Amino acid sequence: MGISTEADTAITGNVIEDVKGVGIIAGWGPSLRDVVITGNLVRGADFGIAVSVVSEAGSVVITNNLIADAPSGAIVGRQWDKTVTGDLSKDGAERYGQLSIAGNRVR
């Protein structure tokens, strides 16, 4: 397991490698409020970062991370444990007003 948070947290400057599942999880259903995920290296996780996109979820900023070798998606939206978006690092993040996703490097 990688790192998981729900509220009032900055996840910054971590190296997360070879995780089965998700490298960083932000929120569980509506339990997401004021989270910043920046400057992390996530490599070799099935999903790099998963963020709650249920309508009651709060704000999250995901910027300037390096996500490598995440075959199921670099940044994905979830409703509890169900992935409901494509890779938000590529497109689609604008549908979710609580998300700010920018400057991430994906390979």
PDB file of N, CA and C in Angstrom:
ATOM      1  N   MET A   1       0.845  -1.184   0.000  1.00  0.00           N
ATOM      2  CA  MET A   1       0.000   0.000   0.000  1.00  0.00           C
ATOM      3  C   MET A   1       0.882   1.236   0.000  1.00  0.00           C
ATOM      4  N   GLY A   2       0.423   2.253  -0.694  1.00  0.00           N
ATOM      5  CA  GLY A   2       1.142   3.515  -0.737  1.00  0.00           C
ATOM      6  C   GLY A   2       0.709   4.444   0.382  1.00  0.00           C
ATOM      7  N   ILE A   3       0.342   5.684   0.023  1.00  0.00           N
ATOM      8  CA  ILE A   3      -0.076   6.707   0.984  1.00  0.00           C
ATOM      9  C   ILE A   3      -1.557   6.992   0.759  1.00  0.00           C
ATOM     10  N   SER A   4      -2.304   7.131   1.851  1.00  0.00           N
ATOM     11  CA  SER A   4      -3.724   7.440   1.773  1.00  0.00           C
ATOM     12  C   SER A   4      -4.052   8.587   2.724  1.00  0.00           C
ATOM     13  N   THR A   5      -4.896   9.508   2.265  1.00  0.00           N
ATOM     14  CA  THR A   5      -5.303  10.636   3.102  1.00  0.00           C
ATOM     15  C   THR A   5      -6.741  11.025   2.793  1.00  0.00           C
ATOM     16  N   GLU A   6      -7.351  11.759   3.707  1.00  0.00           N
ATOM     17  CA  GLU A   6      -8.702  12.247   3.485  1.00  0.00           C
ATOM     18  C   GLU A   6      -8.822  13.760   3.616  1.00  0.00           C
ATOM     19  N   ALA A   7      -8.132  14.388   4.574  1.00  0.00           N
ATOM     20  CA  ALA A   7      -8.378  15.811   4.794  1.00  0.00           C
ATOM     21  C   ALA A   7      -7.172  16.530   5.383  1.00  0.00           C
ATOM     22  N   ASP A   8      -7.082  17.819   5.008  1.00  0.00           N
ATOM     23  CA  ASP A   8      -6.124  18.748   5.605  1.00  0.00           C
ATOM     24  C   ASP A   8      -4.690  18.206   5.600  1.00  0.00           C
ATOM     25  N   THR A   9      -4.229  17.805   4.404  1.00  0.00           N
ATOM     26  CA  THR A   9      -2.939  17.138   4.304  1.00  0.00           C
ATOM     27  C   THR A   9      -2.170  17.633   3.087  1.00  0.00           C
ATOM     28  N   ALA A  10      -0.845  17.731   3.231  1.00  0.00           N
ATOM     29  CA  ALA A  10       0.054  17.949   2.103  1.00  0.00           C
ATOM     30  C   ALA A  10       0.926  16.704   1.976  1.00  0.00           C
ATOM     31  N   ILE A  11       0.834  16.052   0.831  1.00  0.00           N
ATOM     32  CA  ILE A  11       1.678  14.889   0.535  1.00  0.00           C
ATOM     33  C   ILE A  11       2.739  15.398  -0.424  1.00  0.00           C
ATOM     34  N   THR A  12       3.954  15.562   0.077  1.00  0.00           N
ATOM     35  CA  THR A  12       4.999  16.246  -0.679  1.00  0.00           C
ATOM     36  C   THR A  12       6.332  15.539  -0.507  1.00  0.00           C
ATOM     37  N   GLY A  13       7.030  15.353  -1.630  1.00  0.00           N
ATOM     38  CA  GLY A  13       8.414  14.896  -1.595  1.00  0.00           C
ATOM     39  C   GLY A  13       8.623  13.434  -1.261  1.00  0.00           C
ATOM     40  N   ASN A  14       7.682  12.580  -1.603  1.00  0.00           N
ATOM     41  CA  ASN A  14       7.796  11.154  -1.300  1.00  0.00           C
ATOM     42  C   ASN A  14       8.221  10.363  -2.526  1.00  0.00           C
ATOM     43  N   VAL A  15       8.842   9.221  -2.288  1.00  0.00           N
ATOM     44  CA  VAL A  15       9.129   8.244  -3.326  1.00  0.00           C
ATOM     45  C   VAL A  15       8.325   6.999  -2.990  1.00  0.00           C
ATOM     46  N   ILE A  16       7.451   6.610  -3.905  1.00  0.00           N
ATOM     47  CA  ILE A  16       6.575   5.459  -3.707  1.00  0.00           C
ATOM     48  C   ILE A  16       6.829   4.517  -4.876  1.00  0.00           C
ATOM     49  N   GLU A  17       7.287   3.301  -4.584  1.00  0.00           N
ATOM     50  CA  GLU A  17       7.657   2.368  -5.646  1.00  0.00           C
ATOM     51  C   GLU A  17       7.041   0.996  -5.436  1.00  0.00           C
ATOM     52  N   ASP A  18       6.725   0.349  -6.566  1.00  0.00           N
ATOM     53  CA  ASP A  18       6.297  -1.045  -6.602  1.00  0.00           C
ATOM     54  C   ASP A  18       5.139  -1.345  -5.666  1.00  0.00           C
ATOM     55  N   VAL A  19       4.052  -0.600  -5.857  1.00  0.00           N
ATOM     56  CA  VAL A  19       2.844  -0.771  -5.056  1.00  0.00           C
ATOM     57  C   VAL A  19       1.803  -1.521  -5.888  1.00  0.00           C
ATOM     58  N   LYS A  20       1.255  -2.567  -5.352  1.00  0.00           N
ATOM     59  CA  LYS A  20       0.109  -3.224  -5.983  1.00  0.00           C
ATOM     60  C   LYS A  20      -1.116  -2.386  -5.644  1.00  0.00           C
ATOM     61  N   GLY A  21      -1.764  -1.871  -6.650  1.00  0.00           N
ATOM     62  CA  GLY A  21      -2.914  -1.003  -6.412  1.00  0.00           C
ATOM     63  C   GLY A  21      -2.549   0.440  -6.677  1.00  0.00           C
ATOM     64  N   VAL A  22      -2.831   1.343  -5.732  1.00  0.00           N
ATOM     65  CA  VAL A  22      -2.689   2.786  -5.918  1.00  0.00           C
ATOM     66  C   VAL A  22      -1.506   3.313  -5.103  1.00  0.00           C
ATOM     67  N   GLY A  23      -0.683   4.160  -5.744  1.00  0.00           N
ATOM     68  CA  GLY A  23       0.452   4.769  -5.051  1.00  0.00           C
ATOM     69  C   GLY A  23       0.014   5.789  -4.014  1.00  0.00           C
ATOM     70  N   ILE A  24      -0.871   6.714  -4.403  1.00  0.00           N
ATOM     71  CA  ILE A  24      -1.400   7.735  -3.487  1.00  0.00           C
ATOM     72  C   ILE A  24      -2.917   7.780  -3.660  1.00  0.00           C
ATOM     73  N   ILE A  25      -3.633   7.697  -2.550  1.00  0.00           N
ATOM     74  CA  ILE A  25      -5.099   7.774  -2.554  1.00  0.00           C
ATOM     75  C   ILE A  25      -5.517   9.044  -1.825  1.00  0.00           C
ATOM     76  N   ALA A  26      -6.326   9.869  -2.491  1.00  0.00           N
ATOM     77  CA  ALA A  26      -6.834  11.095  -1.880  1.00  0.00           C
ATOM     78  C   ALA A  26      -8.349  10.988  -1.761  1.00  0.00           C
ATOM     79  N   GLY A  27      -8.822  10.799  -0.546  1.00  0.00           N
ATOM     80  CA  GLY A  27     -10.251  10.779  -0.277  1.00  0.00           C
ATOM     81  C   GLY A  27     -10.885   9.414  -0.395  1.00  0.00           C
ATOM     82  N   TRP A  28     -12.008   9.278   0.282  1.00  0.00           N
ATOM     83  CA  TRP A  28     -12.841   8.076   0.231  1.00  0.00           C
ATOM     84  C   TRP A  28     -14.270   8.560   0.185  1.00  0.00           C
ATOM     85  N   GLY A  29     -14.871   8.494  -0.999  1.00  0.00           N
ATOM     86  CA  GLY A  29     -16.216   9.043  -1.147  1.00  0.00           C
ATOM     87  C   GLY A  29     -16.191  10.532  -0.840  1.00  0.00           C
ATOM     88  N   PRO A  30     -17.114  11.020  -0.005  1.00  0.00           N
ATOM     89  CA  PRO A  30     -17.164  12.446   0.311  1.00  0.00           C
ATOM     90  C   PRO A  30     -16.082  12.881   1.304  1.00  0.00           C
ATOM     91  N   SER A  31     -15.318  11.942   1.808  1.00  0.00           N
ATOM     92  CA  SER A  31     -14.277  12.264   2.791  1.00  0.00           C
ATOM     93  C   SER A  31     -13.004  12.726   2.080  1.00  0.00           C
ATOM     94  N   LEU A  32     -13.054  13.922   1.531  1.00  0.00           N
ATOM     95  CA  LEU A  32     -11.904  14.555   0.896  1.00  0.00           C
ATOM     96  C   LEU A  32     -12.037  16.050   1.111  1.00  0.00           C
ATOM     97  N   ARG A  33     -11.002  16.637   1.715  1.00  0.00           N
ATOM     98  CA  ARG A  33     -11.050  18.076   1.979  1.00  0.00           C
ATOM     99  C   ARG A  33      -9.629  18.624   2.053  1.00  0.00           C
ATOM    100  N   ASP A  34      -9.344  19.625   1.235  1.00  0.00           N
ATOM    101  CA  ASP A  34      -8.127  20.417   1.322  1.00  0.00           C
ATOM    102  C   ASP A  34      -6.858  19.562   1.372  1.00  0.00           C
ATOM    103  N   VAL A  35      -6.585  18.899   0.255  1.00  0.00           N
ATOM    104  CA  VAL A  35      -5.405  18.041   0.120  1.00  0.00           C
ATOM    105  C   VAL A  35      -4.536  18.570  -1.015  1.00  0.00           C
ATOM    106  N   VAL A  36      -3.219  18.596  -0.788  1.00  0.00           N
ATOM    107  CA  VAL A  36      -2.249  18.973  -1.803  1.00  0.00           C
ATOM    108  C   VAL A  36      -1.304  17.796  -2.008  1.00  0.00           C
ATOM    109  N   ILE A  37      -1.147  17.394  -3.278  1.00  0.00           N
ATOM    110  CA  ILE A  37      -0.232  16.308  -3.640  1.00  0.00           C
ATOM    111  C   ILE A  37       0.746  16.891  -4.646  1.00  0.00           C
ATOM    112  N   THR A  38       1.986  17.108  -4.227  1.00  0.00           N
ATOM    113  CA  THR A  38       2.945  17.774  -5.103  1.00  0.00           C
ATOM    114  C   THR A  38       4.368  17.284  -4.857  1.00  0.00           C
ATOM    115  N   GLY A  39       5.126  17.221  -5.940  1.00  0.00           N
ATOM    116  CA  GLY A  39       6.545  16.908  -5.839  1.00  0.00           C
ATOM    117  C   GLY A  39       6.869  15.483  -5.441  1.00  0.00           C
ATOM    118  N   ASN A  40       6.005  14.539  -5.777  1.00  0.00           N
ATOM    119  CA  ASN A  40       6.222  13.131  -5.430  1.00  0.00           C
ATOM    120  C   ASN A  40       6.675  12.338  -6.649  1.00  0.00           C
ATOM    121  N   LEU A  41       7.350  11.239  -6.400  1.00  0.00           N
ATOM    122  CA  LEU A  41       7.687  10.273  -7.435  1.00  0.00           C
ATOM    123  C   LEU A  41       6.917   9.001  -7.136  1.00  0.00           C
ATOM    124  N   VAL A  42       6.054   8.609  -8.062  1.00  0.00           N
ATOM    125  CA  VAL A  42       5.296   7.365  -7.943  1.00  0.00           C
ATOM    126  C   VAL A  42       5.702   6.492  -9.124  1.00  0.00           C
ATOM    127  N   ARG A  43       6.308   5.347  -8.848  1.00  0.00           N
ATOM    128  CA  ARG A  43       6.795   4.476  -9.914  1.00  0.00           C
ATOM    129  C   ARG A  43       6.405   3.036  -9.617  1.00  0.00           C
ATOM    130  N   GLY A  44       5.855   2.384 -10.639  1.00  0.00           N
ATOM    131  CA  GLY A  44       5.566   0.965 -10.528  1.00  0.00           C
ATOM    132  C   GLY A  44       4.319   0.623  -9.732  1.00  0.00           C
ATOM    133  N   ALA A  45       3.369   1.549  -9.662  1.00  0.00           N
ATOM    134  CA  ALA A  45       2.067   1.269  -9.039  1.00  0.00           C
ATOM    135  C   ALA A  45       1.070   0.988 -10.161  1.00  0.00           C
ATOM    136  N   ASP A  46       0.060   0.175  -9.896  1.00  0.00           N
ATOM    137  CA  ASP A  46      -0.968  -0.063 -10.907  1.00  0.00           C
ATOM    138  C   ASP A  46      -1.613   1.258 -11.330  1.00  0.00           C
ATOM    139  N   PHE A  47      -2.013   2.066 -10.351  1.00  0.00           N
ATOM    140  CA  PHE A  47      -2.503   3.425 -10.550  1.00  0.00           C
ATOM    141  C   PHE A  47      -1.543   4.342  -9.802  1.00  0.00           C
ATOM    142  N   GLY A  48      -1.184   5.477 -10.404  1.00  0.00           N
ATOM    143  CA  GLY A  48      -0.301   6.415  -9.712  1.00  0.00           C
ATOM    144  C   GLY A  48      -1.004   7.103  -8.554  1.00  0.00           C
ATOM    145  N   ILE A  49      -2.033   7.882  -8.889  1.00  0.00           N
ATOM    146  CA  ILE A  49      -2.794   8.649  -7.905  1.00  0.00           C
ATOM    147  C   ILE A  49      -4.273   8.429  -8.178  1.00  0.00           C
ATOM    148  N   ALA A  50      -5.040   8.155  -7.145  1.00  0.00           N
ATOM    149  CA  ALA A  50      -6.496   8.045  -7.245  1.00  0.00           C
ATOM    150  C   ALA A  50      -7.113   9.116  -6.353  1.00  0.00           C
ATOM    151  N   VAL A  51      -8.080   9.839  -6.899  1.00  0.00           N
ATOM    152  CA  VAL A  51      -8.704  10.931  -6.172  1.00  0.00           C
ATOM    153  C   VAL A  51     -10.221  10.755  -6.210  1.00  0.00           C
ATOM    154  N   SER A  52     -10.868  11.042  -5.091  1.00  0.00           N
ATOM    155  CA  SER A  52     -12.321  10.934  -5.016  1.00  0.00           C
ATOM    156  C   SER A  52     -12.977  12.012  -5.878  1.00  0.00           C
ATOM    157  N   VAL A  53     -13.932  11.594  -6.700  1.00  0.00           N
ATOM    158  CA  VAL A  53     -14.672  12.538  -7.540  1.00  0.00           C
ATOM    159  C   VAL A  53     -16.177  12.490  -7.270  1.00  0.00           C
ATOM    160  N   VAL A  54     -16.581  11.979  -6.107  1.00  0.00           N
ATOM    161  CA  VAL A  54     -18.012  12.030  -5.784  1.00  0.00           C
ATOM    162  C   VAL A  54     -18.405  13.495  -5.610  1.00  0.00           C
ATOM    163  N   SER A  55     -19.670  13.804  -5.792  1.00  0.00           N
ATOM    164  CA  SER A  55     -20.108  15.202  -5.823  1.00  0.00           C
ATOM    165  C   SER A  55     -19.838  15.952  -4.523  1.00  0.00           C
ATOM    166  N   GLU A  56     -19.779  15.287  -3.389  1.00  0.00           N
ATOM    167  CA  GLU A  56     -19.565  15.947  -2.107  1.00  0.00           C
ATOM    168  C   GLU A  56     -18.086  16.101  -1.752  1.00  0.00           C
ATOM    169  N   ALA A  57     -17.173  15.592  -2.579  1.00  0.00           N
ATOM    170  CA  ALA A  57     -15.739  15.647  -2.270  1.00  0.00           C
ATOM    171  C   ALA A  57     -15.249  17.089  -2.304  1.00  0.00           C
ATOM    172  N   GLY A  58     -14.257  17.374  -1.476  1.00  0.00           N
ATOM    173  CA  GLY A  58     -13.685  18.710  -1.401  1.00  0.00           C
ATOM    174  C   GLY A  58     -12.512  18.898  -2.341  1.00  0.00           C
ATOM    175  N   SER A  59     -11.775  19.969  -2.109  1.00  0.00           N
ATOM    176  CA  SER A  59     -10.718  20.405  -3.019  1.00  0.00           C
ATOM    177  C   SER A  59      -9.433  19.618  -2.860  1.00  0.00           C
ATOM    178  N   VAL A  60      -8.776  19.401  -4.024  1.00  0.00           N
ATOM    179  CA  VAL A  60      -7.464  18.752  -4.042  1.00  0.00           C
ATOM    180  C   VAL A  60      -6.648  19.359  -5.177  1.00  0.00           C
ATOM    181  N   VAL A  61      -5.363  19.575  -4.897  1.00  0.00           N
ATOM    182  CA  VAL A  61      -4.411  20.079  -5.881  1.00  0.00           C
ATOM    183  C   VAL A  61      -3.397  18.969  -6.122  1.00  0.00           C
ATOM    184  N   ILE A  62      -3.221  18.587  -7.398  1.00  0.00           N
ATOM    185  CA  ILE A  62      -2.271  17.543  -7.778  1.00  0.00           C
ATOM    186  C   ILE A  62      -1.341  18.156  -8.821  1.00  0.00           C
ATOM    187  N   THR A  63      -0.130  18.541  -8.414  1.00  0.00           N
ATOM    188  CA  THR A  63       0.783  19.238  -9.314  1.00  0.00           C
ATOM    189  C   THR A  63       2.211  18.740  -9.168  1.00  0.00           C
ATOM    190  N   ASN A  64       2.927  18.818 -10.290  1.00  0.00           N
ATOM    191  CA  ASN A  64       4.377  18.622 -10.325  1.00  0.00           C
ATOM    192  C   ASN A  64       4.853  17.307  -9.733  1.00  0.00           C
ATOM    193  N   ASN A  65       4.115  16.243  -9.994  1.00  0.00           N
ATOM    194  CA  ASN A  65       4.524  14.897  -9.601  1.00  0.00           C
ATOM    195  C   ASN A  65       5.100  14.186 -10.813  1.00  0.00           C
ATOM    196  N   LEU A  66       5.969  13.216 -10.585  1.00  0.00           N
ATOM    197  CA  LEU A  66       6.455  12.336 -11.637  1.00  0.00           C
ATOM    198  C   LEU A  66       5.826  10.974 -11.409  1.00  0.00           C
ATOM    199  N   ILE A  67       5.071  10.515 -12.391  1.00  0.00           N
ATOM    200  CA  ILE A  67       4.374   9.237 -12.290  1.00  0.00           C
ATOM    201  C   ILE A  67       4.867   8.361 -13.431  1.00  0.00           C
ATOM    202  N   ALA A  68       5.509   7.250 -13.085  1.00  0.00           N
ATOM    203  CA  ALA A  68       6.117   6.386 -14.099  1.00  0.00           C
ATOM    204  C   ALA A  68       5.624   4.957 -13.928  1.00  0.00           C
ATOM    205  N   ASP A  69       5.418   4.304 -15.061  1.00  0.00           N
ATOM    206  CA  ASP A  69       5.068   2.883 -15.072  1.00  0.00           C
ATOM    207  C   ASP A  69       3.821   2.578 -14.243  1.00  0.00           C
ATOM    208  N   ALA A  70       2.759   3.338 -14.511  1.00  0.00           N
ATOM    209  CA  ALA A  70       1.452   3.108 -13.875  1.00  0.00           C
ATOM    210  C   ALA A  70       0.494   2.652 -14.972  1.00  0.00           C
ATOM    211  N   PRO A  71       0.463   1.364 -15.280  1.00  0.00           N
ATOM    212  CA  PRO A  71      -0.248   0.878 -16.459  1.00  0.00           C
ATOM    213  C   PRO A  71      -1.762   1.107 -16.460  1.00  0.00           C
ATOM    214  N   SER A  72      -2.383   1.257 -15.297  1.00  0.00           N
ATOM    215  CA  SER A  72      -3.838   1.444 -15.250  1.00  0.00           C
ATOM    216  C   SER A  72      -4.249   2.904 -15.241  1.00  0.00           C
ATOM    217  N   GLY A  73      -3.285   3.820 -15.156  1.00  0.00           N
ATOM    218  CA  GLY A  73      -3.569   5.250 -15.193  1.00  0.00           C
ATOM    219  C   GLY A  73      -2.692   6.016 -14.227  1.00  0.00           C
ATOM    220  N   ALA A  74      -2.232   7.190 -14.663  1.00  0.00           N
ATOM    221  CA  ALA A  74      -1.395   8.027 -13.801  1.00  0.00           C
ATOM    222  C   ALA A  74      -2.221   8.682 -12.697  1.00  0.00           C
ATOM    223  N   ILE A  75      -3.322   9.336 -13.082  1.00  0.00           N
ATOM    224  CA  ILE A  75      -4.219  10.001 -12.130  1.00  0.00           C
ATOM    225  C   ILE A  75      -5.645   9.627 -12.531  1.00  0.00           C
ATOM    226  N   VAL A  76      -6.372   8.979 -11.641  1.00  0.00           N
ATOM    227  CA  VAL A  76      -7.732   8.552 -11.958  1.00  0.00           C
ATOM    228  C   VAL A  76      -8.704   9.027 -10.890  1.00  0.00           C
ATOM    229  N   GLY A  77      -9.960   9.209 -11.311  1.00  0.00           N
ATOM    230  CA  GLY A  77     -11.026   9.571 -10.395  1.00  0.00           C
ATOM    231  C   GLY A  77     -11.756   8.326  -9.932  1.00  0.00           C
ATOM    232  N   ARG A  78     -12.099   8.339  -8.659  1.00  0.00           N
ATOM    233  CA  ARG A  78     -12.802   7.189  -8.084  1.00  0.00           C
ATOM    234  C   ARG A  78     -14.029   7.620  -7.304  1.00  0.00           C
ATOM    235  N   GLN A  79     -14.981   6.721  -7.274  1.00  0.00           N
ATOM    236  CA  GLN A  79     -16.118   6.808  -6.358  1.00  0.00           C
ATOM    237  C   GLN A  79     -15.951   5.618  -5.430  1.00  0.00           C
ATOM    238  N   TRP A  80     -15.505   5.908  -4.227  1.00  0.00           N
ATOM    239  CA  TRP A  80     -15.091   4.906  -3.252  1.00  0.00           C
ATOM    240  C   TRP A  80     -14.007   4.026  -3.871  1.00  0.00           C
ATOM    241  N   ASP A  81     -14.209   2.742  -4.068  1.00  0.00           N
ATOM    242  CA  ASP A  81     -13.146   1.900  -4.627  1.00  0.00           C
ATOM    243  C   ASP A  81     -13.336   1.597  -6.111  1.00  0.00           C
ATOM    244  N   LYS A  82     -14.262   2.288  -6.762  1.00  0.00           N
ATOM    245  CA  LYS A  82     -14.523   2.065  -8.180  1.00  0.00           C
ATOM    246  C   LYS A  82     -13.919   3.196  -9.021  1.00  0.00           C
ATOM    247  N   THR A  83     -13.059   2.846  -9.960  1.00  0.00           N
ATOM    248  CA  THR A  83     -12.487   3.829 -10.873  1.00  0.00           C
ATOM    249  C   THR A  83     -13.548   4.221 -11.894  1.00  0.00           C
ATOM    250  N   VAL A  84     -13.839   5.543 -11.994  1.00  0.00           N
ATOM    251  CA  VAL A  84     -14.930   6.013 -12.838  1.00  0.00           C
ATOM    252  C   VAL A  84     -14.482   6.987 -13.928  1.00  0.00           C
ATOM    253  N   THR A  85     -13.186   7.244 -14.028  1.00  0.00           N
ATOM    254  CA  THR A  85     -12.688   8.137 -15.078  1.00  0.00           C
ATOM    255  C   THR A  85     -11.563   7.443 -15.826  1.00  0.00           C
ATOM    256  N   GLY A  86     -11.210   8.056 -16.927  1.00  0.00           N
ATOM    257  CA  GLY A  86      -9.973   7.685 -17.591  1.00  0.00           C
ATOM    258  C   GLY A  86      -8.825   8.371 -16.873  1.00  0.00           C
ATOM    259  N   ASP A  87      -7.706   8.473 -17.544  1.00  0.00           N
ATOM    260  CA  ASP A  87      -6.528   9.092 -16.960  1.00  0.00           C
ATOM    261  C   ASP A  87      -6.686  10.612 -16.974  1.00  0.00           C
ATOM    262  N   LEU A  88      -6.902  11.209 -15.811  1.00  0.00           N
ATOM    263  CA  LEU A  88      -7.141  12.641 -15.687  1.00  0.00           C
ATOM    264  C   LEU A  88      -5.884  13.471 -15.947  1.00  0.00           C
ATOM    265  N   SER A  89      -4.721  12.837 -15.994  1.00  0.00           N
ATOM    266  CA  SER A  89      -3.511  13.578 -16.354  1.00  0.00           C
ATOM    267  C   SER A  89      -3.522  13.924 -17.840  1.00  0.00           C
ATOM    268  N   LYS A  90      -4.334  13.203 -18.611  1.00  0.00           N
ATOM    269  CA  LYS A  90      -4.436  13.447 -20.054  1.00  0.00           C
ATOM    270  C   LYS A  90      -5.576  14.397 -20.375  1.00  0.00           C
ATOM    271  N   ASP A  91      -6.767  14.124 -19.850  1.00  0.00           N
ATOM    272  CA  ASP A  91      -7.920  14.998 -20.073  1.00  0.00           C
ATOM    273  C   ASP A  91      -9.058  14.595 -19.150  1.00  0.00           C
ATOM    274  N   GLY A  92     -10.041  15.473 -19.045  1.00  0.00           N
ATOM    275  CA  GLY A  92     -11.233  15.186 -18.263  1.00  0.00           C
ATOM    276  C   GLY A  92     -11.274  15.809 -16.886  1.00  0.00           C
ATOM    277  N   ALA A  93     -10.155  16.301 -16.379  1.00  0.00           N
ATOM    278  CA  ALA A  93     -10.137  16.868 -15.021  1.00  0.00           C
ATOM    279  C   ALA A  93     -11.030  18.094 -14.906  1.00  0.00           C
ATOM    280  N   GLU A  94     -11.220  18.820 -16.015  1.00  0.00           N
ATOM    281  CA  GLU A  94     -12.031  20.035 -15.985  1.00  0.00           C
ATOM    282  C   GLU A  94     -13.492  19.759 -15.642  1.00  0.00           C
ATOM    283  N   ARG A  95     -13.939  18.523 -15.741  1.00  0.00           N
ATOM    284  CA  ARG A  95     -15.325  18.172 -15.372  1.00  0.00           C
ATOM    285  C   ARG A  95     -15.547  18.235 -13.867  1.00  0.00           C
ATOM    286  N   TYR A  96     -14.468  18.247 -13.107  1.00  0.00           N
ATOM    287  CA  TYR A  96     -14.560  18.200 -11.650  1.00  0.00           C
ATOM    288  C   TYR A  96     -13.990  19.488 -11.072  1.00  0.00           C
ATOM    289  N   GLY A  97     -14.878  20.386 -10.670  1.00  0.00           N
ATOM    290  CA  GLY A  97     -14.479  21.703 -10.186  1.00  0.00           C
ATOM    291  C   GLY A  97     -13.600  21.692  -8.954  1.00  0.00           C
ATOM    292  N   GLN A  98     -13.621  20.621  -8.180  1.00  0.00           N
ATOM    293  CA  GLN A  98     -12.824  20.558  -6.957  1.00  0.00           C
ATOM    294  C   GLN A  98     -11.382  20.138  -7.228  1.00  0.00           C
ATOM    295  N   LEU A  99     -11.068  19.739  -8.474  1.00  0.00           N
ATOM    296  CA  LEU A  99      -9.727  19.268  -8.813  1.00  0.00           C
ATOM    297  C   LEU A  99      -8.909  20.340  -9.504  1.00  0.00           C
ATOM    298  N   SER A 100      -7.655  20.432  -9.125  1.00  0.00           N
ATOM    299  CA  SER A 100      -6.677  21.236  -9.855  1.00  0.00           C
ATOM    300  C   SER A 100      -5.516  20.297 -10.166  1.00  0.00           C
ATOM    301  N   ILE A 101      -5.381  19.936 -11.440  1.00  0.00           N
ATOM    302  CA  ILE A 101      -4.346  18.980 -11.879  1.00  0.00           C
ATOM    303  C   ILE A 101      -3.509  19.676 -12.935  1.00  0.00           C
ATOM    304  N   ALA A 102      -2.199  19.825 -12.672  1.00  0.00           N
ATOM    305  CA  ALA A 102      -1.342  20.539 -13.630  1.00  0.00           C
ATOM    306  C   ALA A 102       0.127  20.185 -13.389  1.00  0.00           C
ATOM    307  N   GLY A 103       0.895  20.237 -14.461  1.00  0.00           N
ATOM    308  CA  GLY A 103       2.348  20.140 -14.357  1.00  0.00           C
ATOM    309  C   GLY A 103       2.908  18.788 -13.982  1.00  0.00           C
ATOM    310  N   ASN A 104       2.102  17.746 -14.067  1.00  0.00           N
ATOM    311  CA  ASN A 104       2.596  16.410 -13.722  1.00  0.00           C
ATOM    312  C   ASN A 104       3.309  15.816 -14.928  1.00  0.00           C
ATOM    313  N   ARG A 105       4.345  15.064 -14.668  1.00  0.00           N
ATOM    314  CA  ARG A 105       5.099  14.394 -15.732  1.00  0.00           C
ATOM    315  C   ARG A 105       4.750  12.918 -15.670  1.00  0.00           C
ATOM    316  N   VAL A 106       4.276  12.377 -16.778  1.00  0.00           N
ATOM    317  CA  VAL A 106       3.855  10.977 -16.832  1.00  0.00           C
ATOM    318  C   VAL A 106       4.683  10.262 -17.886  1.00  0.00           C
ATOM    319  N   ARG A 107       5.238   9.130 -17.522  1.00  0.00           N
ATOM    320  CA  ARG A 107       5.936   8.305 -18.514  1.00  0.00           C
ATOM    321  C   ARG A 107       5.671   6.850 -18.262  1.00  0.00           C
TER     322      ARG A 107
END
